[in-house]
Amino acid sequence: MAGSMLKYVKKSKPSPPDESVEEENNKSSKEATGFDHDQAENSGEHSNEHEFDENENEEDKEFGVKEYQIDGDINDPGSWEKVDKRMRDFLVEKGPMARPSIDYHFPRDHLGRQDKLTNLLATTGSDDWRNVSKLLKEHEKGHKHITCMIQWLELEERLQKNQTIDKHIQEELNKEKKHWRDVLLRIIALVKGLAKQNVAFRGSSDKIYVDGNGNFLGMVEVFADFDPVMKEHVRRIEKHETHYHYLSHRIQNELIDMLGNEIKQMILKKIWYAKYFSVILDTTPDISHREQMSMVIRCVDISETSPKIEEFFLTFLEVKDKTGEGLFDALQDALHSLGLSIDDIRGQGYDNGSNMKGKVKGVQNRLLEINPRAAYTPCGCHSLNLVLSDIASSSSIAISFFGIIQRIYCLFASSTNNCDVFREIVNGVTAPQIREALIYLAENSANPGTKSEAESLAMSETYGIGSFEFLIGMIIWYELLFVVNKVSKILQSKDMDIDIAIAQVKGLISFFKDYRETGFQAAKVEAEKIAIAMEIDHVFSVKVKRFIKKKQYHDEEPRKDDEDVIFTAEENSRINYFIKIVDQSLVSFEKRFDQLQSYEKTFGFLFDLKKLQLTNDDELMVSCVNLEVFLKHGDRSDIDGNELFMELKLLRGSLPTNIQNAAEILDFLKKVDTCYPNTWTAYRIMMTIPVSVASAERSFSKLKLIKSYLRSCMSQERLNGLAIISIERKMAKKLDYTSLMNEFANKTARRIIFEE
């Protein structure tokens, strides 16, 4: 125990180390034979082992760093510039370094070296490999080595039993470490909780117990009322016993960024493991009038027991160039920063904007030029909306119908009094009650404009709801909008795949074809019931058609008046209104969903298990080869068509009878790992192709909650951190607080942040 008292006193004038020895130690490198206990112990003898450095003490106290941090490899004695008490204890607890691997490359001998001192291994090291056995034997017999080994073993035993001479000091330090770790744990949990609920953090003040200090500090105050750890922490802040309280906006930003990055890494690991993925992009302006592009990645998550289609939000990208080239450049940069390869993209989904879907300069075409396997799919929900737009604009009667609907809405929404009348009279949106509310406004409103508009809407057969044709149109459009809305909601599901989407669209087209034959008569019967309740004549009004005299050229024969086909009022409404809008819908479905039809030609033989089992070998072989060509780029293809054919022949006879769809087949393939590699790849790629951009649209809802008009100056980094915590809250639940605290400690151990 010689020199132990030096642990508790401070030398006023420490003698400088010998320059030659120091220079030689600095030259010590990874060529040394390995770890030697003497160096750690001897260095400790010549240092003030318990002369606690103030900054190091603060770091331990606040962060509880267990791993000793040095520049270089901790296992290389050549990296040890100074072995203090903390490093010595760490080395003793850690134990000797592991034996080098069998393929470790040892450097060649320096033949001119003649230094044969026995303490060579404890100072400068040796690379005299031919004589290393002799050097080790001489060193291990030395008195200094034996003394150091005894001290090493004694210290190791005391550390294990917590019986060192500075036991009480260590206990106090451990208590302080635990306090700061507990404080940090609560702060991280609070940051995550507020971010998940899209709650604003900051207020007008950054001081504790000051009015208007925001939700973050307000919750800290609530914690302090019940939690002993936070109560002690707040007491220290109020008594000015600590300057490191970790409650500032800078710490908030750091923790938000750390939580967001941790979630992002969890997502990226799933994407890397899945290999194939699709990109889903959509843009919208935020409250500060910056264009934000939401980036969502779709893949088949095969890291879990059962494969599942997932769509993960990754980031918002602020874009200034909204052309196809600018958006594509932003996509490329984002993929590169995330470590994702553009060659692994197998699908891309955007809205129907020209800068996105353009076949020449759009994002989809620019991506296809680099990776032809990145199949483009226009958003199914946007396509349905465009179909409805095509239908509504195809008929002047339909345009007039929606104009009346718009006028009714604007009238009741124009004032609170009108809205109160609507709520009191209309119990459910029905035509008789709406007309009653309009008549009430026409008779009792003090506003001349409201009075006139309400009377026109209630009574006019041409500009209001007083005609039988309007009632029929209301029923027809209710039927059409209802079925389209149902399919649109189904397509918005995250785990929707193309086979189900194609089946839904086919079902919708089939409904329109059947409705074309029977829908008008059914709507007429229903409209007659409503007309009786509203005391409206349930007959079609005869509208006199203005005669248009066409110019007759000299080479034309005289036009006869009986050449024009004259329809009854009912037939005219059925043909020129009902049949016209239904036929337009069928044409629009064919045009808007042509891409899904092409997917059916490529992947159709994999959709239906019954169809797969009934397909003959020749047709199956052709389908497999076509799929190989579709998934080929240059000399590389994702699958081998011939092998896929053989696998499917075997698979269709071995699948359990309870398996019905592609998702269940993929689950079965996961369980019989590596037995059907080409089939496994084909189904994963097929289910990776997106159907809609609903996930990107949903992220805009979070964008509006997070970056509100009161938080319009939020930085892009903070926005992305809060957004990914909120949107991917299921992943946030899996975060490990211990690893987060250690990560935060490692980042800040070398830079203590002073906060005012």
Foldseek 3Di string as FASTA:
>chain_A
DPPPVLLVDDDPDQDDDDPVLLVLLLPADQLFPWDALLLLVVLASSDNQNPDDPLLLVLCLQQVFLDDDFPDDLRRSSRPSGRHNSNSLSDLQVDTDDDDDPPDDRDDADVPDDDLDLCCSNGNGHNPVVCVVVSVVSNCPDPSSVVSVVVSVVSSVCVVVCNDPCSVVVVVSVVSNVLNLVLLLVLLVLLLVCLQVLADAAFPDCDAPDPGGGDSSVVLVVCLVPPVSSVVLVVCVVVVVDQFNLRDVVSSLVSLLLLLVVLLVVVLVQCVVQLAKEWEWDWDAFPLRWIKIWIKIWFFRLVDLATFIFIATRAIDGFDDLAQVRVLVSVVVVCVVSVHDLQRYQEYEYEPDCLDPPCPNHVVNVSCVVHVRHHYAYAPLNLLVVLVVLLQVQAPVSVLLVVQVVLLVCLCPVDPVSVVLCVVQDDDDDDLSSLVSLVCCLVDPPDPVSNVSSCCQNPPCRNHCQHLLSQLVVVVVVVLVVLSVVLSVVQLDSQDFLLVNVVSLVVSLVVLVVCLVPVSVVSLVVSVVSCVVNVHPSDQDDDDDDDDDDDDDPPDDDDDPVVDDDDDRSVCCSVRRVNRSSVSSNVSSCVSCVSSVVVCQQCVCQWWLVSVLPDDLVVQLVSLVSNQVSQDDDPDGQADSVLQSVLSVVVSVPDDPVDTGLSSVLSVDSVVDPPRRRVNRVSRSSSNYGRRSSLSVVLVVSSCSNCDPVNVVDDSSSSGSSSSSNSVVVSSVVDDSVVSSNVVSVVCSVPRDRDD
